[in-house]
N, C-alpha and C. Protein backbone atom coordinates (compact mmCIF):
# COMPACT_ATOMS: atom_id res chain seq x y z
N UNK A 1 38.68 190.41 -103.22
CA UNK A 1 38.22 190.69 -101.88
C UNK A 1 39.31 190.20 -100.93
N UNK A 2 39.74 191.07 -100.06
CA UNK A 2 40.77 190.73 -99.09
C UNK A 2 40.15 190.75 -97.70
N UNK A 3 40.28 189.63 -97.00
CA UNK A 3 39.77 189.55 -95.63
C UNK A 3 40.96 189.32 -94.71
N UNK A 4 41.38 190.37 -93.99
CA UNK A 4 42.55 190.23 -93.12
C UNK A 4 42.22 189.43 -91.86
N UNK A 5 42.76 188.25 -91.77
CA UNK A 5 42.47 187.36 -90.65
C UNK A 5 43.71 187.07 -89.80
N UNK A 6 44.88 187.46 -90.28
CA UNK A 6 46.12 187.09 -89.59
C UNK A 6 46.19 187.62 -88.16
N UNK A 7 45.60 188.77 -87.93
CA UNK A 7 45.67 189.39 -86.61
C UNK A 7 44.41 189.16 -85.80
N UNK A 8 43.55 188.26 -86.25
CA UNK A 8 42.28 188.03 -85.54
C UNK A 8 42.46 187.07 -84.37
N UNK A 9 41.39 186.87 -83.66
CA UNK A 9 41.40 185.96 -82.52
C UNK A 9 41.55 184.53 -83.03
N UNK A 10 42.48 183.77 -82.49
CA UNK A 10 42.65 182.39 -82.95
C UNK A 10 41.39 181.57 -82.69
N UNK A 11 41.11 180.62 -83.57
CA UNK A 11 39.92 179.77 -83.38
C UNK A 11 40.12 178.82 -82.21
N UNK A 12 39.00 178.27 -81.73
CA UNK A 12 39.05 177.30 -80.63
C UNK A 12 39.70 176.00 -81.07
N UNK A 13 39.59 175.70 -82.34
CA UNK A 13 40.08 174.43 -82.87
C UNK A 13 41.06 174.68 -84.00
N UNK A 14 41.73 173.62 -84.40
CA UNK A 14 42.63 173.71 -85.53
C UNK A 14 44.04 174.01 -85.09
N UNK A 15 44.91 174.01 -86.05
CA UNK A 15 46.30 174.29 -85.77
C UNK A 15 46.90 175.00 -86.97
N UNK A 16 48.08 175.48 -86.81
CA UNK A 16 48.75 176.16 -87.90
C UNK A 16 48.68 177.66 -87.75
N UNK A 17 49.33 178.30 -88.66
CA UNK A 17 49.45 179.75 -88.67
C UNK A 17 48.19 180.41 -89.22
N UNK A 18 47.77 181.52 -88.62
CA UNK A 18 46.64 182.28 -89.15
C UNK A 18 47.07 182.96 -90.45
N UNK A 19 46.19 182.96 -91.43
CA UNK A 19 46.46 183.58 -92.71
C UNK A 19 45.30 184.48 -93.11
N UNK A 20 45.59 185.45 -93.97
CA UNK A 20 44.54 186.26 -94.57
C UNK A 20 43.86 185.46 -95.66
N UNK A 21 42.74 185.95 -96.15
CA UNK A 21 42.02 185.31 -97.25
C UNK A 21 41.84 186.32 -98.37
N UNK A 22 42.15 185.90 -99.59
CA UNK A 22 41.89 186.70 -100.78
C UNK A 22 41.06 185.85 -101.73
N UNK A 23 39.92 186.38 -102.15
CA UNK A 23 39.07 185.74 -103.14
C UNK A 23 39.11 186.65 -104.37
N UNK A 24 39.51 186.08 -105.52
CA UNK A 24 39.69 186.90 -106.71
C UNK A 24 39.13 186.21 -107.95
N UNK A 25 38.55 187.01 -108.83
CA UNK A 25 38.11 186.50 -110.13
C UNK A 25 39.34 186.27 -110.97
N UNK A 26 39.35 185.18 -111.72
CA UNK A 26 40.53 184.81 -112.50
C UNK A 26 40.92 185.87 -113.52
N UNK A 27 39.94 186.63 -114.03
CA UNK A 27 40.23 187.65 -115.03
C UNK A 27 40.88 188.89 -114.44
N UNK A 28 40.92 188.99 -113.11
CA UNK A 28 41.60 190.13 -112.48
C UNK A 28 43.11 190.03 -112.67
N UNK A 29 43.59 188.82 -112.94
CA UNK A 29 45.02 188.64 -113.18
C UNK A 29 45.88 188.73 -111.94
N UNK A 30 45.30 188.55 -110.78
CA UNK A 30 46.06 188.63 -109.54
C UNK A 30 47.03 187.45 -109.45
N UNK A 31 48.29 187.76 -109.28
CA UNK A 31 49.30 186.72 -109.11
C UNK A 31 49.71 186.72 -107.63
N UNK A 32 49.55 185.58 -106.96
CA UNK A 32 49.91 185.53 -105.55
C UNK A 32 51.34 186.00 -105.26
N UNK A 33 52.25 185.79 -106.18
CA UNK A 33 53.64 186.22 -105.95
C UNK A 33 53.75 187.74 -105.89
N UNK A 34 52.82 188.47 -106.48
CA UNK A 34 52.82 189.94 -106.46
C UNK A 34 52.04 190.49 -105.27
N UNK A 35 51.38 189.62 -104.51
CA UNK A 35 50.51 190.04 -103.43
C UNK A 35 51.21 190.84 -102.33
N UNK A 36 52.40 190.45 -101.85
CA UNK A 36 53.00 191.22 -100.75
C UNK A 36 53.13 192.72 -101.06
N UNK A 37 53.56 193.06 -102.25
CA UNK A 37 53.68 194.47 -102.63
C UNK A 37 52.33 195.15 -102.72
N UNK A 38 51.35 194.46 -103.27
CA UNK A 38 50.01 195.02 -103.37
C UNK A 38 49.41 195.23 -101.98
N UNK A 39 49.61 194.25 -101.09
CA UNK A 39 49.08 194.37 -99.73
C UNK A 39 49.69 195.56 -99.01
N UNK A 40 51.00 195.76 -99.18
CA UNK A 40 51.66 196.91 -98.54
C UNK A 40 51.08 198.22 -99.04
N UNK A 41 50.72 198.28 -100.32
CA UNK A 41 50.21 199.53 -100.88
C UNK A 41 48.77 199.81 -100.46
N UNK A 42 48.07 198.80 -99.94
CA UNK A 42 46.68 199.00 -99.54
C UNK A 42 46.54 199.85 -98.29
N UNK A 43 47.52 199.83 -97.41
CA UNK A 43 47.38 200.52 -96.14
C UNK A 43 46.32 199.85 -95.29
N UNK A 44 45.72 200.59 -94.39
CA UNK A 44 44.69 200.02 -93.52
C UNK A 44 43.37 199.84 -94.25
N UNK A 45 43.12 200.66 -95.25
CA UNK A 45 41.87 200.51 -96.00
C UNK A 45 40.66 200.90 -95.18
N UNK A 46 39.51 200.71 -95.75
CA UNK A 46 38.24 200.99 -95.10
C UNK A 46 37.44 199.72 -95.04
N UNK A 47 37.16 199.21 -93.85
CA UNK A 47 36.34 197.99 -93.77
C UNK A 47 34.96 198.25 -94.38
N UNK A 48 34.52 197.33 -95.18
CA UNK A 48 33.21 197.46 -95.82
C UNK A 48 32.38 196.22 -95.57
N UNK A 49 31.10 196.41 -95.53
CA UNK A 49 30.17 195.30 -95.52
C UNK A 49 29.40 195.39 -96.82
N UNK A 50 29.32 194.29 -97.52
CA UNK A 50 28.60 194.29 -98.79
C UNK A 50 27.40 193.37 -98.69
N UNK A 51 26.42 193.68 -99.46
CA UNK A 51 25.25 192.81 -99.55
C UNK A 51 25.36 192.03 -100.85
N UNK A 52 24.82 190.84 -100.82
CA UNK A 52 24.86 190.01 -102.01
C UNK A 52 23.46 189.70 -102.50
N UNK A 53 23.37 189.38 -103.75
CA UNK A 53 22.10 188.94 -104.34
C UNK A 53 22.14 187.42 -104.29
N UNK A 54 21.56 186.84 -103.24
CA UNK A 54 21.67 185.40 -103.02
C UNK A 54 20.99 184.59 -104.12
N UNK A 55 19.93 185.10 -104.69
CA UNK A 55 19.25 184.39 -105.78
C UNK A 55 20.17 184.32 -107.00
N UNK A 56 20.82 185.43 -107.30
CA UNK A 56 21.76 185.45 -108.44
C UNK A 56 22.93 184.52 -108.18
N UNK A 57 23.47 184.55 -106.96
CA UNK A 57 24.58 183.67 -106.62
C UNK A 57 24.18 182.22 -106.77
N UNK A 58 22.98 181.87 -106.32
CA UNK A 58 22.51 180.49 -106.47
C UNK A 58 22.36 180.11 -107.94
N UNK A 59 21.88 181.03 -108.78
CA UNK A 59 21.77 180.74 -110.22
C UNK A 59 23.14 180.44 -110.83
N UNK A 60 24.13 181.25 -110.47
CA UNK A 60 25.48 181.03 -111.00
C UNK A 60 26.07 179.73 -110.48
N UNK A 61 25.84 179.42 -109.22
CA UNK A 61 26.33 178.17 -108.65
C UNK A 61 25.69 176.97 -109.34
N UNK A 62 24.38 177.06 -109.58
CA UNK A 62 23.68 175.97 -110.26
C UNK A 62 24.20 175.81 -111.68
N UNK A 63 24.49 176.92 -112.36
CA UNK A 63 25.04 176.85 -113.72
C UNK A 63 26.37 176.10 -113.72
N UNK A 64 27.18 176.32 -112.70
CA UNK A 64 28.47 175.62 -112.61
C UNK A 64 28.25 174.13 -112.37
N UNK A 65 27.34 173.79 -111.44
CA UNK A 65 27.09 172.38 -111.13
C UNK A 65 26.49 171.62 -112.31
N UNK A 66 25.68 172.29 -113.11
CA UNK A 66 25.00 171.63 -114.22
C UNK A 66 25.85 171.57 -115.49
N UNK A 67 27.07 172.01 -115.43
CA UNK A 67 27.93 172.03 -116.61
C UNK A 67 29.20 171.23 -116.34
N UNK A 68 29.09 169.93 -116.12
CA UNK A 68 30.26 169.13 -115.74
C UNK A 68 31.31 169.02 -116.84
N UNK A 69 30.94 169.26 -118.07
CA UNK A 69 31.86 169.13 -119.19
C UNK A 69 32.73 170.37 -119.39
N UNK A 70 32.35 171.48 -118.83
CA UNK A 70 33.08 172.74 -119.07
C UNK A 70 33.11 173.59 -117.81
N UNK A 71 33.52 172.99 -116.71
CA UNK A 71 33.55 173.72 -115.45
C UNK A 71 34.87 174.46 -115.30
N UNK A 72 34.76 175.67 -114.81
CA UNK A 72 35.96 176.37 -114.40
C UNK A 72 36.44 175.76 -113.09
N UNK A 73 37.69 175.92 -112.80
CA UNK A 73 38.25 175.36 -111.58
C UNK A 73 38.45 176.44 -110.53
N UNK A 74 38.30 176.06 -109.30
CA UNK A 74 38.63 176.93 -108.18
C UNK A 74 40.06 176.61 -107.79
N UNK A 75 40.94 177.53 -108.09
CA UNK A 75 42.35 177.32 -107.76
C UNK A 75 42.61 177.88 -106.36
N UNK A 76 43.53 177.26 -105.66
CA UNK A 76 43.87 177.74 -104.33
C UNK A 76 45.37 177.59 -104.12
N UNK A 77 45.90 178.50 -103.36
CA UNK A 77 47.30 178.44 -102.99
C UNK A 77 47.50 179.31 -101.77
N UNK A 78 48.61 179.11 -101.10
CA UNK A 78 48.98 179.95 -99.97
C UNK A 78 50.32 180.60 -100.29
N UNK A 79 50.39 181.90 -100.10
CA UNK A 79 51.63 182.64 -100.34
C UNK A 79 51.63 183.86 -99.42
N UNK A 80 52.76 184.12 -98.79
CA UNK A 80 52.93 185.31 -97.95
C UNK A 80 51.85 185.42 -96.87
N UNK A 81 51.62 184.31 -96.17
CA UNK A 81 50.63 184.25 -95.10
C UNK A 81 49.23 184.66 -95.56
N UNK A 82 48.92 184.30 -96.80
CA UNK A 82 47.61 184.60 -97.38
C UNK A 82 47.14 183.38 -98.16
N UNK A 83 45.87 183.02 -97.94
CA UNK A 83 45.26 181.91 -98.67
C UNK A 83 44.44 182.52 -99.81
N UNK A 84 44.68 182.06 -101.03
CA UNK A 84 44.02 182.60 -102.21
C UNK A 84 43.02 181.59 -102.77
N UNK A 85 41.84 182.07 -103.10
CA UNK A 85 40.86 181.33 -103.87
C UNK A 85 40.63 182.13 -105.15
N UNK A 86 40.92 181.51 -106.29
CA UNK A 86 40.85 182.21 -107.56
C UNK A 86 40.04 181.37 -108.54
N UNK A 87 39.08 182.00 -109.20
CA UNK A 87 38.27 181.27 -110.17
C UNK A 87 37.32 182.20 -110.91
N UNK A 88 36.53 181.61 -111.77
CA UNK A 88 35.53 182.35 -112.52
C UNK A 88 34.27 182.57 -111.70
N UNK A 89 33.36 183.33 -112.28
CA UNK A 89 32.12 183.72 -111.59
C UNK A 89 31.35 182.53 -111.06
N UNK A 90 31.10 181.54 -111.91
CA UNK A 90 30.24 180.44 -111.50
C UNK A 90 30.87 179.56 -110.43
N UNK A 91 32.16 179.28 -110.55
CA UNK A 91 32.81 178.44 -109.53
C UNK A 91 32.93 179.20 -108.21
N UNK A 92 33.17 180.51 -108.25
CA UNK A 92 33.19 181.30 -107.00
C UNK A 92 31.80 181.32 -106.37
N UNK A 93 30.75 181.41 -107.19
CA UNK A 93 29.39 181.38 -106.66
C UNK A 93 29.10 180.03 -106.01
N UNK A 94 29.56 178.95 -106.64
CA UNK A 94 29.35 177.62 -106.07
C UNK A 94 30.08 177.49 -104.73
N UNK A 95 31.31 178.00 -104.67
CA UNK A 95 32.06 177.95 -103.41
C UNK A 95 31.36 178.79 -102.34
N UNK A 96 30.83 179.94 -102.72
CA UNK A 96 30.15 180.81 -101.76
C UNK A 96 28.93 180.12 -101.17
N UNK A 97 28.16 179.42 -101.99
CA UNK A 97 26.98 178.73 -101.46
C UNK A 97 27.40 177.57 -100.56
N UNK A 98 28.49 176.89 -100.90
CA UNK A 98 28.98 175.80 -100.05
C UNK A 98 29.48 176.35 -98.71
N UNK A 99 30.18 177.48 -98.74
CA UNK A 99 30.66 178.09 -97.49
C UNK A 99 29.49 178.55 -96.63
N UNK A 100 28.47 179.13 -97.25
CA UNK A 100 27.30 179.58 -96.49
C UNK A 100 26.60 178.40 -95.84
N UNK A 101 26.50 177.30 -96.56
CA UNK A 101 25.89 176.09 -95.99
C UNK A 101 26.72 175.58 -94.81
N UNK A 102 28.04 175.52 -95.01
CA UNK A 102 28.92 175.04 -93.94
C UNK A 102 28.85 175.96 -92.73
N UNK A 103 28.78 177.26 -92.94
CA UNK A 103 28.70 178.19 -91.82
C UNK A 103 27.44 177.96 -91.00
N UNK A 104 26.38 177.53 -91.65
CA UNK A 104 25.14 177.23 -90.94
C UNK A 104 25.23 175.97 -90.09
N UNK A 105 26.25 175.17 -90.32
CA UNK A 105 26.45 173.94 -89.56
C UNK A 105 27.63 174.05 -88.61
N UNK A 106 28.03 175.26 -88.30
CA UNK A 106 29.19 175.45 -87.42
C UNK A 106 28.89 175.08 -85.98
N UNK A 107 29.89 175.23 -85.15
CA UNK A 107 29.79 174.90 -83.74
C UNK A 107 28.60 175.60 -83.10
N UNK A 108 27.83 174.85 -82.35
CA UNK A 108 26.71 175.42 -81.61
C UNK A 108 25.43 175.54 -82.39
N UNK A 109 25.42 175.15 -83.66
CA UNK A 109 24.20 175.21 -84.45
C UNK A 109 23.35 173.99 -84.12
N UNK A 110 22.14 174.21 -83.68
CA UNK A 110 21.29 173.09 -83.29
C UNK A 110 21.12 172.11 -84.43
N UNK A 111 21.29 170.83 -84.10
CA UNK A 111 21.12 169.78 -85.08
C UNK A 111 22.35 169.51 -85.92
N UNK A 112 23.39 170.33 -85.77
CA UNK A 112 24.59 170.10 -86.56
C UNK A 112 25.39 168.93 -85.98
N UNK A 113 26.22 168.32 -86.81
CA UNK A 113 27.05 167.23 -86.31
C UNK A 113 27.96 167.68 -85.15
N UNK A 114 28.23 168.97 -85.07
CA UNK A 114 29.13 169.48 -84.02
C UNK A 114 28.39 170.24 -82.95
N UNK A 115 27.11 170.04 -82.84
CA UNK A 115 26.30 170.75 -81.86
C UNK A 115 26.78 170.42 -80.46
N UNK A 116 27.30 171.43 -79.78
CA UNK A 116 27.84 171.21 -78.42
C UNK A 116 26.76 171.26 -77.35
N UNK A 117 25.49 171.52 -77.73
CA UNK A 117 24.41 171.63 -76.75
C UNK A 117 23.59 170.36 -76.64
N UNK A 118 24.02 169.29 -77.25
CA UNK A 118 23.26 168.04 -77.19
C UNK A 118 23.35 167.43 -75.84
């Protein structure tokens, strides 16, 4: 999954260069060093919105958390102005649930540590 963020509106906070995001299953064999050529071949593409099965994602995330002896790793790297998250199904599901939780606590969310309306 490629989320082009480099040309988006800069955030209110933070610093550094804007980068795209690529989330890939480890079995896809995506090598970040090959990404620039692949990105060029994509063209503009067609923006899509996908729906997820949140119950299934939670099951996979729980399977990862409950298996401390044999967990896959979430690898990350930055290359060619792109941030990569690469891992197996269960670790990607765990990351997705953590991101969803964090998004619910973003700026302006009532009761969040960063609630600007207090």
